[in-house]
Amino acid sequence: MEANEAVAFAKRAIETGPDDPDVLWMAAATMLIFTGDRSTAAALSDRALAINPNSAHAWMARGWSSFAQPDLAIEALEAAMRLSPLDRLGRTFSTGIAYAHIVAGRYEKALEWAERALRTEPDYWGGLLTKAIACTQLGLIEHARAAIRQVMETSPWRTAGRIKLFSRLFPPDVAAICIESLRKAALPE
C-alpha cells in the first residue's frame, strides 16, 4: 500500500468514526508512520484517550508520538503496559520505551528494554533494530551485527532505505544517529 493511500484511509476512518477510540489511535499510528506528523498523531491519541482513558493502544500511540519528549513517551508507554500487561502488542510498548531512551541518550536502558521486547518475541525486527542501535552506541558492534543478521534472516527486505520511513518518528538528529548506527551494524542499504 502506498503511503498516500494509507493516509487517505486513516482520514476516511476518522470521518466515519470520530468518536471511536480504536479508530483514532489507529489513525494516529498511521499518520505518524506515513507522514511523520507527530502533532496530529498526538492530538488523535489525546482524543482517543479523552473518550477511553483505559485504552492501552491509545496510550501506546501517544507514547510513540511523543519521542521528542522521551520522558513523556515513557510515561505513556508505561501506562499502556499497566493497562494491558499481557497485550499482544506488548513488544511494541517495550520497544517504544527503548526508543525513548535512545532519544534521551540512555543507551544502556534502551538495550535493557529492547531485550525485554525480544524475550517475548525473539525475532521481533523492531526489538532487534533497537538493540542494534543501542549496542552500536555502546560500542558493542559484534552484538549489533548479530542483531542485524537475525533481522536479515527473518525480514531480508528490511534495509536502511526502508528503515528511513520509521526515522520520521524521531527528532532529526536522533533519526540520523539511528540510521548511522544501523549502517555501522551492517544493515544493507
Foldseek 3Di string as FASTA:
>chain_A
DALVVLLVVLVVLCVVCVLALVSLQVSLVSCCLSPLPLVSSLVSLVSSCVNPVLALSSLQSNLLSPLQPLVSSLVSLVSSCVSPVPDPCNLSSLLSNLSSCLSVVNLVSSLVSLVVSCVVPVLPLSSLLSNLLSCLSVVNLVSSLVSLVSPCVVPVVDALVNCLSVLSSHDVVSSVSSSVSNVSSPGHD
